[in-house]
Amino acid sequence: MKSLDVKQTALLESLGLTNDFSNATDDELVEIEDRVCDELMLRGIDETGDGVNDYGALCESIIDALPE
């Protein structure tokens, strides 16, 4: 499992989510994925609509760090 950096941790905390994936339940992990995906879709798409902005890249990095 990838460890989270300061920005990833801060984003999760701002959403009221745990950043301790190793002790998270399956339900908590699903909630993290759902909430971060929602953030990506709402605020993470660039102005052209063709890619992600910096916030979206941060969201993607958190999703990538989630355990399988």
C-alpha atoms as a PDB file:
ATOM      1  CA  MET A   1       0.000   0.000   0.000  1.00  0.00           C
ATOM      2  CA  LYS A   2       1.247   3.460  -0.886  1.00  0.00           C
ATOM      3  CA  SER A   3       1.679   5.933   1.945  1.00  0.00           C
ATOM      4  CA  LEU A   4      -0.157   9.232   1.711  1.00  0.00           C
ATOM      5  CA  ASP A   5       1.545  12.600   1.505  1.00  0.00           C
ATOM      6  CA  VAL A   6       0.562  15.772   3.357  1.00  0.00           C
ATOM      7  CA  LYS A   7      -1.784  17.045   0.620  1.00  0.00           C
ATOM      8  CA  GLN A   8      -3.591  13.721   0.316  1.00  0.00           C
ATOM      9  CA  THR A   9      -4.004  13.493   4.089  1.00  0.00           C
ATOM     10  CA  ALA A  10      -5.280  17.077   4.279  1.00  0.00           C
ATOM     11  CA  LEU A  11      -7.886  16.452   1.573  1.00  0.00           C
ATOM     12  CA  LEU A  12      -9.180  13.328   3.307  1.00  0.00           C
ATOM     13  CA  GLU A  13      -9.347  15.154   6.630  1.00  0.00           C
ATOM     14  CA  SER A  14     -11.210  18.085   5.025  1.00  0.00           C
ATOM     15  CA  LEU A  15     -13.826  15.578   3.844  1.00  0.00           C
ATOM     16  CA  GLY A  16     -14.071  14.019   7.301  1.00  0.00           C
ATOM     17  CA  LEU A  17     -12.533  10.755   6.113  1.00  0.00           C
ATOM     18  CA  THR A  18      -9.891   8.543   7.672  1.00  0.00           C
ATOM     19  CA  ASN A  19      -6.409   8.505   6.202  1.00  0.00           C
ATOM     20  CA  ASP A  20      -5.490   5.240   7.921  1.00  0.00           C
ATOM     21  CA  PHE A  21      -6.282   2.754   5.185  1.00  0.00           C
ATOM     22  CA  SER A  22      -4.632  -0.146   7.025  1.00  0.00           C
ATOM     23  CA  ASN A  23      -7.251  -0.043   9.799  1.00  0.00           C
ATOM     24  CA  ALA A  24     -10.229   1.024   7.658  1.00  0.00           C
ATOM     25  CA  THR A  25     -13.167  -1.313   7.207  1.00  0.00           C
ATOM     26  CA  ASP A  26     -14.385  -2.267   3.752  1.00  0.00           C
ATOM     27  CA  ASP A  27     -17.328   0.104   4.216  1.00  0.00           C
ATOM     28  CA  GLU A  28     -14.983   2.962   5.116  1.00  0.00           C
ATOM     29  CA  LEU A  29     -12.826   2.265   2.066  1.00  0.00           C
ATOM     30  CA  VAL A  30     -15.905   2.295  -0.177  1.00  0.00           C
ATOM     31  CA  GLU A  31     -16.996   5.602   1.384  1.00  0.00           C
ATOM     32  CA  ILE A  32     -13.536   7.087   0.794  1.00  0.00           C
ATOM     33  CA  GLU A  33     -13.569   6.001  -2.834  1.00  0.00           C
ATOM     34  CA  ASP A  34     -17.118   7.295  -3.386  1.00  0.00           C
ATOM     35  CA  ARG A  35     -16.492  10.680  -1.748  1.00  0.00           C
ATOM     36  CA  VAL A  36     -13.143  11.251  -3.471  1.00  0.00           C
ATOM     37  CA  CYS A  37     -14.631  10.244  -6.847  1.00  0.00           C
ATOM     38  CA  ASP A  38     -17.469  12.717  -6.252  1.00  0.00           C
ATOM     39  CA  GLU A  39     -14.919  15.446  -5.500  1.00  0.00           C
ATOM     40  CA  LEU A  40     -13.021  14.534  -8.658  1.00  0.00           C
ATOM     41  CA  MET A  41     -16.145  14.844 -10.783  1.00  0.00           C
ATOM     42  CA  LEU A  42     -17.372  18.042  -9.104  1.00  0.00           C
ATOM     43  CA  ARG A  43     -14.148  20.008  -8.738  1.00  0.00           C
ATOM     44  CA  GLY A  44     -11.364  18.066 -10.405  1.00  0.00           C
ATOM     45  CA  ILE A  45     -12.095  18.447 -14.118  1.00  0.00           C
ATOM     46  CA  ASP A  46     -10.103  21.098 -15.983  1.00  0.00           C
ATOM     47  CA  GLU A  47     -11.725  24.015 -17.793  1.00  0.00           C
ATOM     48  CA  THR A  48     -11.632  22.290 -21.174  1.00  0.00           C
ATOM     49  CA  GLY A  49     -13.367  19.202 -19.783  1.00  0.00           C
ATOM     50  CA  ASP A  50     -10.711  16.980 -21.334  1.00  0.00           C
ATOM     51  CA  GLY A  51      -8.637  16.197 -18.277  1.00  0.00           C
ATOM     52  CA  VAL A  52      -8.086  16.878 -14.628  1.00  0.00           C
ATOM     53  CA  ASN A  53      -6.807  19.950 -12.844  1.00  0.00           C
ATOM     54  CA  ASP A  54      -4.403  19.832  -9.898  1.00  0.00           C
ATOM     55  CA  TYR A  55      -7.232  19.037  -7.484  1.00  0.00           C
ATOM     56  CA  GLY A  56      -8.386  16.213  -9.743  1.00  0.00           C
ATOM     57  CA  ALA A  57      -4.865  14.812  -9.906  1.00  0.00           C
ATOM     58  CA  LEU A  58      -4.775  14.858  -6.113  1.00  0.00           C
ATOM     59  CA  CYS A  59      -8.091  12.980  -5.989  1.00  0.00           C
ATOM     60  CA  GLU A  60      -6.786  10.429  -8.493  1.00  0.00           C
ATOM     61  CA  SER A  61      -3.657   9.900  -6.410  1.00  0.00           C
ATOM     62  CA  ILE A  62      -5.779   9.084  -3.360  1.00  0.00           C
ATOM     63  CA  ILE A  63      -7.898   6.636  -5.353  1.00  0.00           C
ATOM     64  CA  ASP A  64      -4.708   4.993  -6.646  1.00  0.00           C
ATOM     65  CA  ALA A  65      -3.432   4.640  -3.059  1.00  0.00           C
ATOM     66  CA  LEU A  66      -6.517   2.762  -1.861  1.00  0.00           C
ATOM     67  CA  PRO A  67      -5.924  -0.926  -1.181  1.00  0.00           C
ATOM     68  CA  GLU A  68      -7.366  -3.303  -3.766  1.00  0.00           C
END
